[in-house]
Amino acid sequence: MSTGYIQVMTTVDRRDVAEQIAREAVGRFLAACVQVVGPIRSIYRWQGVVEEADEWLCLMKTRGELLEEVIGFIRSIHPYEVPEILALPVVGGHPDYLRWLEVETKAPPR
């Protein structure tokens, strides 16, 4: 059962960049909430070499219909050549929280 809501995640190499992404996503009504978690340790293969890095994880709560706009926003501000941008469906949640998420991702009329 889909709720129409998603959680979008991305990682960056600096806390200040993660916080900038979070502030701007909320400020632009692209996300109701962004949690910044870290540092986390990432181990990955890049261009044939196993790499390790400390990163910061951004977890964005938003509406599914905003996904393409959120992806475009992240790509415009993200320092990586190929940023991790993954969206996971929200299959359920507290009704009051989901209503709040809906309200906070709709820009007020101007």
PDB file of N, CA and C in Angstrom:
ATOM      1  N   MET A   1       0.848  -1.183   0.000  1.00  0.00           N
ATOM      2  CA  MET A   1       0.000   0.000   0.000  1.00  0.00           C
ATOM      3  C   MET A   1       0.886   1.235   0.000  1.00  0.00           C
ATOM      4  N   SER A   2       0.864   1.997  -1.049  1.00  0.00           N
ATOM      5  CA  SER A   2       1.681   3.202  -1.154  1.00  0.00           C
ATOM      6  C   SER A   2       0.958   4.392  -0.546  1.00  0.00           C
ATOM      7  N   THR A   3       1.704   5.233   0.126  1.00  0.00           N
ATOM      8  CA  THR A   3       1.120   6.426   0.726  1.00  0.00           C
ATOM      9  C   THR A   3       1.322   7.662  -0.137  1.00  0.00           C
ATOM     10  N   GLY A   4       2.161   7.564  -1.155  1.00  0.00           N
ATOM     11  CA  GLY A   4       2.488   8.740  -1.958  1.00  0.00           C
ATOM     12  C   GLY A   4       3.651   9.531  -1.386  1.00  0.00           C
ATOM     13  N   TYR A   5       4.253   9.033  -0.313  1.00  0.00           N
ATOM     14  CA  TYR A   5       5.376   9.702   0.312  1.00  0.00           C
ATOM     15  C   TYR A   5       6.633   8.861   0.122  1.00  0.00           C
ATOM     16  N   ILE A   6       7.774   9.531   0.136  1.00  0.00           N
ATOM     17  CA  ILE A   6       9.054   8.848  -0.046  1.00  0.00           C
ATOM     18  C   ILE A   6      10.086   9.406   0.925  1.00  0.00           C
ATOM     19  N   GLN A   7      11.162   8.652   1.090  1.00  0.00           N
ATOM     20  CA  GLN A   7      12.348   9.137   1.779  1.00  0.00           C
ATOM     21  C   GLN A   7      13.472   9.098   0.752  1.00  0.00           C
ATOM     22  N   VAL A   8      14.088  10.240   0.527  1.00  0.00           N
ATOM     23  CA  VAL A   8      15.194  10.349  -0.420  1.00  0.00           C
ATOM     24  C   VAL A   8      16.473  10.463   0.387  1.00  0.00           C
ATOM     25  N   MET A   9      17.490   9.708  -0.026  1.00  0.00           N
ATOM     26  CA  MET A   9      18.760   9.788   0.690  1.00  0.00           C
ATOM     27  C   MET A   9      19.898  10.130  -0.253  1.00  0.00           C
ATOM     28  N   THR A  10      20.847  10.858   0.299  1.00  0.00           N
ATOM     29  CA  THR A  10      22.082  11.160  -0.406  1.00  0.00           C
ATOM     30  C   THR A  10      23.193  11.264   0.626  1.00  0.00           C
ATOM     31  N   THR A  11      24.438  11.076   0.177  1.00  0.00           N
ATOM     32  CA  THR A  11      25.587  11.213   1.062  1.00  0.00           C
ATOM     33  C   THR A  11      26.547  12.236   0.480  1.00  0.00           C
ATOM     34  N   VAL A  12      27.236  12.949   1.362  1.00  0.00           N
ATOM     35  CA  VAL A  12      28.262  13.917   0.962  1.00  0.00           C
ATOM     36  C   VAL A  12      29.456  13.777   1.899  1.00  0.00           C
ATOM     37  N   ASP A  13      30.554  14.394   1.506  1.00  0.00           N
ATOM     38  CA  ASP A  13      31.794  14.216   2.263  1.00  0.00           C
ATOM     39  C   ASP A  13      32.021  15.249   3.365  1.00  0.00           C
ATOM     40  N   ARG A  14      31.114  16.222   3.493  1.00  0.00           N
ATOM     41  CA  ARG A  14      31.307  17.253   4.524  1.00  0.00           C
ATOM     42  C   ARG A  14      29.982  17.579   5.212  1.00  0.00           C
ATOM     43  N   ARG A  15      30.060  17.772   6.519  1.00  0.00           N
ATOM     44  CA  ARG A  15      28.861  18.091   7.301  1.00  0.00           C
ATOM     45  C   ARG A  15      28.239  19.398   6.844  1.00  0.00           C
ATOM     46  N   ASP A  16      29.039  20.421   6.571  1.00  0.00           N
ATOM     47  CA  ASP A  16      28.463  21.705   6.177  1.00  0.00           C
ATOM     48  C   ASP A  16      27.691  21.600   4.869  1.00  0.00           C
ATOM     49  N   VAL A  17      28.145  20.759   3.959  1.00  0.00           N
ATOM     50  CA  VAL A  17      27.429  20.554   2.695  1.00  0.00           C
ATOM     51  C   VAL A  17      26.118  19.812   2.966  1.00  0.00           C
ATOM     52  N   ALA A  18      26.149  18.806   3.820  1.00  0.00           N
ATOM     53  CA  ALA A  18      24.928  18.079   4.187  1.00  0.00           C
ATOM     54  C   ALA A  18      23.905  19.025   4.808  1.00  0.00           C
ATOM     55  N   GLU A  19      24.368  19.899   5.688  1.00  0.00           N
ATOM     56  CA  GLU A  19      23.461  20.850   6.329  1.00  0.00           C
ATOM     57  C   GLU A  19      22.927  21.871   5.328  1.00  0.00           C
ATOM     58  N   GLN A  20      23.738  22.271   4.367  1.00  0.00           N
ATOM     59  CA  GLN A  20      23.268  23.184   3.322  1.00  0.00           C
ATOM     60  C   GLN A  20      22.170  22.512   2.490  1.00  0.00           C
ATOM     61  N   ILE A  21      22.393  21.261   2.097  1.00  0.00           N
ATOM     62  CA  ILE A  21      21.375  20.517   1.356  1.00  0.00           C
ATOM     63  C   ILE A  21      20.089  20.447   2.172  1.00  0.00           C
ATOM     64  N   ALA A  22      20.208  20.135   3.453  1.00  0.00           N
ATOM     65  CA  ALA A  22      19.036  20.013   4.326  1.00  0.00           C
ATOM     66  C   ALA A  22      18.283  21.338   4.416  1.00  0.00           C
ATOM     67  N   ARG A  23      18.998  22.420   4.711  1.00  0.00           N
ATOM     68  CA  ARG A  23      18.344  23.721   4.854  1.00  0.00           C
ATOM     69  C   ARG A  23      17.648  24.157   3.568  1.00  0.00           C
ATOM     70  N   GLU A  24      18.339  23.991   2.445  1.00  0.00           N
ATOM     71  CA  GLU A  24      17.756  24.429   1.178  1.00  0.00           C
ATOM     72  C   GLU A  24      16.581  23.552   0.756  1.00  0.00           C
ATOM     73  N   ALA A  25      16.664  22.257   0.980  1.00  0.00           N
ATOM     74  CA  ALA A  25      15.547  21.370   0.626  1.00  0.00           C
ATOM     75  C   ALA A  25      14.291  21.742   1.417  1.00  0.00           C
ATOM     76  N   VAL A  26      14.443  21.994   2.717  1.00  0.00           N
ATOM     77  CA  VAL A  26      13.305  22.396   3.534  1.00  0.00           C
ATOM     78  C   VAL A  26      12.856  23.803   3.147  1.00  0.00           C
ATOM     79  N   GLY A  27      13.795  24.699   2.938  1.00  0.00           N
ATOM     80  CA  GLY A  27      13.455  26.075   2.575  1.00  0.00           C
ATOM     81  C   GLY A  27      12.715  26.183   1.250  1.00  0.00           C
ATOM     82  N   ARG A  28      12.985  25.279   0.334  1.00  0.00           N
ATOM     83  CA  ARG A  28      12.327  25.276  -0.982  1.00  0.00           C
ATOM     84  C   ARG A  28      11.065  24.412  -1.012  1.00  0.00           C
ATOM     85  N   PHE A  29      10.650  23.923   0.147  1.00  0.00           N
ATOM     86  CA  PHE A  29       9.472  23.061   0.276  1.00  0.00           C
ATOM     87  C   PHE A  29       9.621  21.745  -0.489  1.00  0.00           C
ATOM     88  N   LEU A  30      10.860  21.311  -0.713  1.00  0.00           N
ATOM     89  CA  LEU A  30      11.111  20.026  -1.364  1.00  0.00           C
ATOM     90  C   LEU A  30      11.094  18.881  -0.366  1.00  0.00           C
ATOM     91  N   ALA A  31      11.280  19.185   0.899  1.00  0.00           N
ATOM     92  CA  ALA A  31      11.245  18.186   1.968  1.00  0.00           C
ATOM     93  C   ALA A  31      10.651  18.829   3.210  1.00  0.00           C
ATOM     94  N   ALA A  32       9.895  18.049   3.959  1.00  0.00           N
ATOM     95  CA  ALA A  32       9.346  18.538   5.222  1.00  0.00           C
ATOM     96  C   ALA A  32      10.403  18.483   6.312  1.00  0.00           C
ATOM     97  N   CYS A  33      11.306  17.521   6.183  1.00  0.00           N
ATOM     98  CA  CYS A  33      12.322  17.284   7.198  1.00  0.00           C
ATOM     99  C   CYS A  33      13.510  16.612   6.529  1.00  0.00           C
ATOM    100  N   VAL A  34      14.697  17.007   6.939  1.00  0.00           N
ATOM    101  CA  VAL A  34      15.908  16.316   6.490  1.00  0.00           C
ATOM    102  C   VAL A  34      16.747  16.031   7.724  1.00  0.00           C
ATOM    103  N   GLN A  35      17.025  14.774   7.941  1.00  0.00           N
ATOM    104  CA  GLN A  35      17.910  14.395   9.033  1.00  0.00           C
ATOM    105  C   GLN A  35      19.309  14.223   8.473  1.00  0.00           C
ATOM    106  N   VAL A  36      20.271  14.806   9.182  1.00  0.00           N
ATOM    107  CA  VAL A  36      21.678  14.689   8.798  1.00  0.00           C
ATOM    108  C   VAL A  36      22.334  13.751   9.807  1.00  0.00           C
ATOM    109  N   VAL A  37      22.876  12.654   9.313  1.00  0.00           N
ATOM    110  CA  VAL A  37      23.444  11.603  10.156  1.00  0.00           C
ATOM    111  C   VAL A  37      24.920  11.444   9.800  1.00  0.00           C
ATOM    112  N   GLY A  38      25.756  11.373  10.818  1.00  0.00           N
ATOM    113  CA  GLY A  38      27.146  11.106  10.500  1.00  0.00           C
ATOM    114  C   GLY A  38      28.085  11.577  11.580  1.00  0.00           C
ATOM    115  N   PRO A  39      29.317  11.334  11.347  1.00  0.00           N
ATOM    116  CA  PRO A  39      29.829  10.722  10.122  1.00  0.00           C
ATOM    117  C   PRO A  39      29.561   9.217  10.083  1.00  0.00           C
ATOM    118  N   ILE A  40      29.417   8.726   8.864  1.00  0.00           N
ATOM    119  CA  ILE A  40      29.302   7.296   8.612  1.00  0.00           C
ATOM    120  C   ILE A  40      30.497   6.892   7.765  1.00  0.00           C
ATOM    121  N   ARG A  41      30.858   5.647   7.812  1.00  0.00           N
ATOM    122  CA  ARG A  41      31.990   5.151   7.022  1.00  0.00           C
ATOM    123  C   ARG A  41      31.446   4.441   5.797  1.00  0.00           C
ATOM    124  N   SER A  42      31.838   4.886   4.623  1.00  0.00           N
ATOM    125  CA  SER A  42      31.408   4.263   3.374  1.00  0.00           C
ATOM    126  C   SER A  42      32.590   3.562   2.723  1.00  0.00           C
ATOM    127  N   ILE A  43      32.352   2.354   2.275  1.00  0.00           N
ATOM    128  CA  ILE A  43      33.342   1.576   1.526  1.00  0.00           C
ATOM    129  C   ILE A  43      32.672   1.227   0.207  1.00  0.00           C
ATOM    130  N   TYR A  44      33.313   1.609  -0.895  1.00  0.00           N
ATOM    131  CA  TYR A  44      32.674   1.480  -2.200  1.00  0.00           C
ATOM    132  C   TYR A  44      33.735   1.325  -3.285  1.00  0.00           C
ATOM    133  N   ARG A  45      33.285   0.874  -4.435  1.00  0.00           N
ATOM    134  CA  ARG A  45      34.183   0.779  -5.583  1.00  0.00           C
ATOM    135  C   ARG A  45      33.915   1.982  -6.477  1.00  0.00           C
ATOM    136  N   TRP A  46      34.975   2.700  -6.840  1.00  0.00           N
ATOM    137  CA  TRP A  46      34.860   3.849  -7.740  1.00  0.00           C
ATOM    138  C   TRP A  46      35.974   3.756  -8.780  1.00  0.00           C
ATOM    139  N   GLN A  47      35.594   3.688 -10.028  1.00  0.00           N
ATOM    140  CA  GLN A  47      36.525   3.601 -11.152  1.00  0.00           C
ATOM    141  C   GLN A  47      37.528   2.463 -10.963  1.00  0.00           C
ATOM    142  N   GLY A  48      36.990   1.312 -10.505  1.00  0.00           N
ATOM    143  CA  GLY A  48      37.784   0.103 -10.385  1.00  0.00           C
ATOM    144  C   GLY A  48      38.613  -0.029  -9.122  1.00  0.00           C
ATOM    145  N   VAL A  49      38.519   0.950  -8.226  1.00  0.00           N
ATOM    146  CA  VAL A  49      39.327   0.938  -7.005  1.00  0.00           C
ATOM    147  C   VAL A  49      38.398   0.954  -5.793  1.00  0.00           C
ATOM    148  N   VAL A  50      38.709   0.129  -4.801  1.00  0.00           N
ATOM    149  CA  VAL A  50      37.937   0.146  -3.561  1.00  0.00           C
ATOM    150  C   VAL A  50      38.391   1.351  -2.745  1.00  0.00           C
ATOM    151  N   GLU A  51      37.432   2.195  -2.412  1.00  0.00           N
ATOM    152  CA  GLU A  51      37.691   3.436  -1.676  1.00  0.00           C
ATOM    153  C   GLU A  51      37.012   3.368  -0.309  1.00  0.00           C
ATOM    154  N   GLU A  52      37.482   4.204   0.603  1.00  0.00           N
ATOM    155  CA  GLU A  52      36.851   4.374   1.912  1.00  0.00           C
ATOM    156  C   GLU A  52      36.784   5.858   2.201  1.00  0.00           C
ATOM    157  N   ALA A  53      35.659   6.278   2.801  1.00  0.00           N
ATOM    158  CA  ALA A  53      35.496   7.702   3.107  1.00  0.00           C
ATOM    159  C   ALA A  53      34.505   7.879   4.244  1.00  0.00           C
ATOM    160  N   ASP A  54      34.717   8.931   5.021  1.00  0.00           N
ATOM    161  CA  ASP A  54      33.708   9.362   5.982  1.00  0.00           C
ATOM    162  C   ASP A  54      32.732  10.253   5.238  1.00  0.00           C
ATOM    163  N   GLU A  55      31.452  10.007   5.456  1.00  0.00           N
ATOM    164  CA  GLU A  55      30.423  10.779   4.780  1.00  0.00           C
ATOM    165  C   GLU A  55      29.319  11.147   5.752  1.00  0.00           C
ATOM    166  N   TRP A  56      28.460  12.046   5.297  1.00  0.00           N
ATOM    167  CA  TRP A  56      27.271  12.476   6.031  1.00  0.00           C
ATOM    168  C   TRP A  56      26.068  12.078   5.204  1.00  0.00           C
ATOM    169  N   LEU A  57      25.080  11.495   5.856  1.00  0.00           N
ATOM    170  CA  LEU A  57      23.881  10.992   5.208  1.00  0.00           C
ATOM    171  C   LEU A  57      22.719  11.959   5.422  1.00  0.00           C
ATOM    172  N   CYS A  58      22.071  12.346   4.335  1.00  0.00           N
ATOM    173  CA  CYS A  58      20.868  13.180   4.394  1.00  0.00           C
ATOM    174  C   CYS A  58      19.660  12.299   4.103  1.00  0.00           C
ATOM    175  N   LEU A  59      18.687  12.297   5.000  1.00  0.00           N
ATOM    176  CA  LEU A  59      17.445  11.545   4.842  1.00  0.00           C
ATOM    177  C   LEU A  59      16.303  12.550   4.718  1.00  0.00           C
ATOM    178  N   MET A  60      15.731  12.654   3.529  1.00  0.00           N
ATOM    179  CA  MET A  60      14.710  13.659   3.235  1.00  0.00           C
ATOM    180  C   MET A  60      13.332  13.017   3.171  1.00  0.00           C
ATOM    181  N   LYS A  61      12.367  13.588   3.887  1.00  0.00           N
ATOM    182  CA  LYS A  61      10.984  13.112   3.837  1.00  0.00           C
ATOM    183  C   LYS A  61      10.203  14.038   2.933  1.00  0.00           C
ATOM    184  N   THR A  62       9.543  13.472   1.914  1.00  0.00           N
ATOM    185  CA  THR A  62       8.847  14.304   0.947  1.00  0.00           C
ATOM    186  C   THR A  62       7.726  13.532   0.271  1.00  0.00           C
ATOM    187  N   ARG A  63       7.061  14.193  -0.669  1.00  0.00           N
ATOM    188  CA  ARG A  63       6.001  13.563  -1.464  1.00  0.00           C
ATOM    189  C   ARG A  63       6.618  12.942  -2.710  1.00  0.00           C
ATOM    190  N   GLY A  64       6.096  11.802  -3.107  1.00  0.00           N
ATOM    191  CA  GLY A  64       6.608  11.100  -4.279  1.00  0.00           C
ATOM    192  C   GLY A  64       6.569  11.934  -5.540  1.00  0.00           C
ATOM    193  N   GLU A  65       5.566  12.782  -5.678  1.00  0.00           N
ATOM    194  CA  GLU A  65       5.447  13.595  -6.890  1.00  0.00           C
ATOM    195  C   GLU A  65       6.555  14.640  -7.008  1.00  0.00           C
ATOM    196  N   LEU A  66       7.303  14.869  -5.952  1.00  0.00           N
ATOM    197  CA  LEU A  66       8.408  15.834  -5.988  1.00  0.00           C
ATOM    198  C   LEU A  66       9.748  15.188  -6.320  1.00  0.00           C
ATOM    199  N   LEU A  67       9.772  13.881  -6.561  1.00  0.00           N
ATOM    200  CA  LEU A  67      11.041  13.171  -6.720  1.00  0.00           C
ATOM    201  C   LEU A  67      11.936  13.777  -7.790  1.00  0.00           C
ATOM    202  N   GLU A  68      11.437  14.019  -8.970  1.00  0.00           N
ATOM    203  CA  GLU A  68      12.293  14.553 -10.037  1.00  0.00           C
ATOM    204  C   GLU A  68      12.843  15.924  -9.677  1.00  0.00           C
ATOM    205  N   GLU A  69      12.045  16.752  -9.029  1.00  0.00           N
ATOM    206  CA  GLU A  69      12.511  18.071  -8.600  1.00  0.00           C
ATOM    207  C   GLU A  69      13.579  17.934  -7.508  1.00  0.00           C
ATOM    208  N   VAL A  70      13.383  17.004  -6.593  1.00  0.00           N
ATOM    209  CA  VAL A  70      14.376  16.759  -5.537  1.00  0.00           C
ATOM    210  C   VAL A  70      15.686  16.268  -6.154  1.00  0.00           C
ATOM    211  N   ILE A  71      15.599  15.348  -7.114  1.00  0.00           N
ATOM    212  CA  ILE A  71      16.806  14.856  -7.776  1.00  0.00           C
ATOM    213  C   ILE A  71      17.533  16.002  -8.466  1.00  0.00           C
ATOM    214  N   GLY A  72      16.812  16.828  -9.193  1.00  0.00           N
ATOM    215  CA  GLY A  72      17.433  17.974  -9.867  1.00  0.00           C
ATOM    216  C   GLY A  72      18.096  18.919  -8.892  1.00  0.00           C
ATOM    217  N   PHE A  73      17.425  19.184  -7.769  1.00  0.00           N
ATOM    218  CA  PHE A  73      18.000  20.049  -6.734  1.00  0.00           C
ATOM    219  C   PHE A  73      19.290  19.453  -6.189  1.00  0.00           C
ATOM    220  N   ILE A  74      19.254  18.171  -5.816  1.00  0.00           N
ATOM    221  CA  ILE A  74      20.446  17.539  -5.249  1.00  0.00           C
ATOM    222  C   ILE A  74      21.594  17.595  -6.256  1.00  0.00           C
ATOM    223  N   ARG A  75      21.320  17.254  -7.499  1.00  0.00           N
ATOM    224  CA  ARG A  75      22.378  17.266  -8.522  1.00  0.00           C
ATOM    225  C   ARG A  75      22.959  18.667  -8.702  1.00  0.00           C
ATOM    226  N   SER A  76      22.145  19.699  -8.554  1.00  0.00           N
ATOM    227  CA  SER A  76      22.625  21.071  -8.760  1.00  0.00           C
ATOM    228  C   SER A  76      23.566  21.545  -7.663  1.00  0.00           C
ATOM    229  N   ILE A  77      23.478  20.951  -6.489  1.00  0.00           N
ATOM    230  CA  ILE A  77      24.237  21.430  -5.337  1.00  0.00           C
ATOM    231  C   ILE A  77      25.298  20.422  -4.876  1.00  0.00           C
ATOM    232  N   HIS A  78      25.189  19.187  -5.344  1.00  0.00           N
ATOM    233  CA  HIS A  78      26.015  18.091  -4.840  1.00  0.00           C
ATOM    234  C   HIS A  78      27.429  18.158  -5.420  1.00  0.00           C
ATOM    235  N   PRO A  79      28.458  17.940  -4.582  1.00  0.00           N
ATOM    236  CA  PRO A  79      29.840  18.026  -5.067  1.00  0.00           C
ATOM    237  C   PRO A  79      30.345  16.787  -5.810  1.00  0.00           C
ATOM    238  N   TYR A  80      29.643  15.654  -5.728  1.00  0.00           N
ATOM    239  CA  TYR A  80      30.137  14.416  -6.346  1.00  0.00           C
ATOM    240  C   TYR A  80      29.795  14.375  -7.831  1.00  0.00           C
ATOM    241  N   GLU A  81      30.653  13.713  -8.599  1.00  0.00           N
ATOM    242  CA  GLU A  81      30.399  13.506 -10.020  1.00  0.00           C
ATOM    243  C   GLU A  81      29.145  12.640 -10.221  1.00  0.00           C
ATOM    244  N   VAL A  82      29.027  11.588  -9.417  1.00  0.00           N
ATOM    245  CA  VAL A  82      27.858  10.698  -9.469  1.00  0.00           C
ATOM    246  C   VAL A  82      27.327  10.561  -8.041  1.00  0.00           C
ATOM    247  N   PRO A  83      26.431  11.459  -7.636  1.00  0.00           N
ATOM    248  CA  PRO A  83      25.938  11.390  -6.258  1.00  0.00           C
ATOM    249  C   PRO A  83      24.980  10.221  -6.051  1.00  0.00           C
ATOM    250  N   GLU A  84      25.050   9.671  -4.859  1.00  0.00           N
ATOM    251  CA  GLU A  84      24.035   8.697  -4.454  1.00  0.00           C
ATOM    252  C   GLU A  84      22.736   9.464  -4.249  1.00  0.00           C
ATOM    253  N   ILE A  85      21.714   9.101  -4.981  1.00  0.00           N
ATOM    254  CA  ILE A  85      20.373   9.645  -4.768  1.00  0.00           C
ATOM    255  C   ILE A  85      19.421   8.459  -4.903  1.00  0.00           C
ATOM    256  N   LEU A  86      18.888   8.024  -3.786  1.00  0.00           N
ATOM    257  CA  LEU A  86      17.966   6.894  -3.765  1.00  0.00           C
ATOM    258  C   LEU A  86      16.667   7.322  -3.098  1.00  0.00           C
ATOM    259  N   ALA A  87      15.554   6.848  -3.634  1.00  0.00           N
ATOM    260  CA  ALA A  87      14.244   7.124  -3.046  1.00  0.00           C
ATOM    261  C   ALA A  87      13.608   5.809  -2.626  1.00  0.00           C
ATOM    262  N   LEU A  88      13.117   5.792  -1.406  1.00  0.00           N
ATOM    263  CA  LEU A  88      12.436   4.611  -0.871  1.00  0.00           C
ATOM    264  C   LEU A  88      10.988   4.980  -0.579  1.00  0.00           C
ATOM    265  N   PRO A  89      10.050   4.112  -0.931  1.00  0.00           N
ATOM    266  CA  PRO A  89       8.648   4.429  -0.654  1.00  0.00           C
ATOM    267  C   PRO A  89       8.349   4.350   0.835  1.00  0.00           C
ATOM    268  N   VAL A  90       7.473   5.224   1.272  1.00  0.00           N
ATOM    269  CA  VAL A  90       6.935   5.147   2.629  1.00  0.00           C
ATOM    270  C   VAL A  90       5.641   4.357   2.508  1.00  0.00           C
ATOM    271  N   VAL A  91       5.589   3.209   3.129  1.00  0.00           N
ATOM    272  CA  VAL A  91       4.420   2.348   2.980  1.00  0.00           C
ATOM    273  C   VAL A  91       3.376   2.574   4.068  1.00  0.00           C
ATOM    274  N   GLY A  92       3.713   3.377   5.036  1.00  0.00           N
ATOM    275  CA  GLY A  92       2.771   3.694   6.099  1.00  0.00           C
ATOM    276  C   GLY A  92       3.416   4.640   7.080  1.00  0.00           C
ATOM    277  N   GLY A  93       2.628   5.152   7.991  1.00  0.00           N
ATOM    278  CA  GLY A  93       3.172   6.057   8.996  1.00  0.00           C
ATOM    279  C   GLY A  93       2.065   6.638   9.848  1.00  0.00           C
ATOM    280  N   HIS A  94       2.473   7.379  10.844  1.00  0.00           N
ATOM    281  CA  HIS A  94       1.516   8.036  11.735  1.00  0.00           C
ATOM    282  C   HIS A  94       0.718   9.050  10.918  1.00  0.00           C
ATOM    283  N   PRO A  95      -0.605   8.972  10.922  1.00  0.00           N
ATOM    284  CA  PRO A  95      -1.414   9.867  10.083  1.00  0.00           C
ATOM    285  C   PRO A  95      -1.132  11.351  10.311  1.00  0.00           C
ATOM    286  N   ASP A  96      -0.944  11.760  11.554  1.00  0.00           N
ATOM    287  CA  ASP A  96      -0.666  13.174  11.826  1.00  0.00           C
ATOM    288  C   ASP A  96       0.671  13.597  11.223  1.00  0.00           C
ATOM    289  N   TYR A  97       1.670  12.716  11.294  1.00  0.00           N
ATOM    290  CA  TYR A  97       2.969  13.025  10.701  1.00  0.00           C
ATOM    291  C   TYR A  97       2.844  13.142   9.187  1.00  0.00           C
ATOM    292  N   LEU A  98       2.127  12.227   8.577  1.00  0.00           N
ATOM    293  CA  LEU A  98       1.969  12.262   7.123  1.00  0.00           C
ATOM    294  C   LEU A  98       1.212  13.517   6.683  1.00  0.00           C
ATOM    295  N   ARG A  99       0.220  13.945   7.442  1.00  0.00           N
ATOM    296  CA  ARG A  99      -0.487  15.209   7.121  1.00  0.00           C
ATOM    297  C   ARG A  99       0.478  16.383   7.229  1.00  0.00           C
ATOM    298  N   TRP A 100       1.302  16.382   8.282  1.00  0.00           N
ATOM    299  CA  TRP A 100       2.299  17.446   8.450  1.00  0.00           C
ATOM    300  C   TRP A 100       3.267  17.451   7.273  1.00  0.00           C
ATOM    301  N   LEU A 101       3.728  16.274   6.851  1.00  0.00           N
ATOM    302  CA  LEU A 101       4.636  16.159   5.714  1.00  0.00           C
ATOM    303  C   LEU A 101       3.989  16.747   4.463  1.00  0.00           C
ATOM    304  N   GLU A 102       2.729  16.465   4.250  1.00  0.00           N
ATOM    305  CA  GLU A 102       1.989  16.991   3.099  1.00  0.00           C
ATOM    306  C   GLU A 102       1.964  18.518   3.117  1.00  0.00           C
ATOM    307  N   VAL A 103       1.606  19.085   4.261  1.00  0.00           N
ATOM    308  CA  VAL A 103       1.508  20.544   4.388  1.00  0.00           C
ATOM    309  C   VAL A 103       2.864  21.210   4.175  1.00  0.00           C
ATOM    310  N   GLU A 104       3.910  20.634   4.751  1.00  0.00           N
ATOM    311  CA  GLU A 104       5.230  21.270   4.724  1.00  0.00           C
ATOM    312  C   GLU A 104       5.961  21.127   3.396  1.00  0.00           C
ATOM    313  N   THR A 105       5.406  20.367   2.466  1.00  0.00           N
ATOM    314  CA  THR A 105       6.027  20.257   1.147  1.00  0.00           C
ATOM    315  C   THR A 105       5.190  20.934   0.064  1.00  0.00           C
ATOM    316  N   LYS A 106       4.325  21.827   0.496  1.00  0.00           N
ATOM    317  CA  LYS A 106       3.538  22.625  -0.437  1.00  0.00           C
ATOM    318  C   LYS A 106       3.811  24.089  -0.142  1.00  0.00           C
ATOM    319  N   ALA A 107       4.395  24.778  -1.099  1.00  0.00           N
ATOM    320  CA  ALA A 107       4.728  26.191  -0.915  1.00  0.00           C
ATOM    321  C   ALA A 107       3.446  26.997  -0.729  1.00  0.00           C
ATOM    322  N   PRO A 108       3.476  27.957   0.190  1.00  0.00           N
ATOM    323  CA  PRO A 108       2.281  28.796   0.367  1.00  0.00           C
ATOM    324  C   PRO A 108       2.061  29.671  -0.868  1.00  0.00           C
ATOM    325  N   PRO A 109       0.809  30.024  -1.144  1.00  0.00           N
ATOM    326  CA  PRO A 109       0.552  30.898  -2.302  1.00  0.00           C
ATOM    327  C   PRO A 109       1.210  32.251  -2.115  1.00  0.00           C
ATOM    328  N   ARG A 110       1.635  32.826  -3.210  1.00  0.00           N
ATOM    329  CA  ARG A 110       2.293  34.140  -3.131  1.00  0.00           C
ATOM    330  C   ARG A 110       1.370  35.237  -3.562  1.00  0.00           C
TER     331      ARG A 110
END
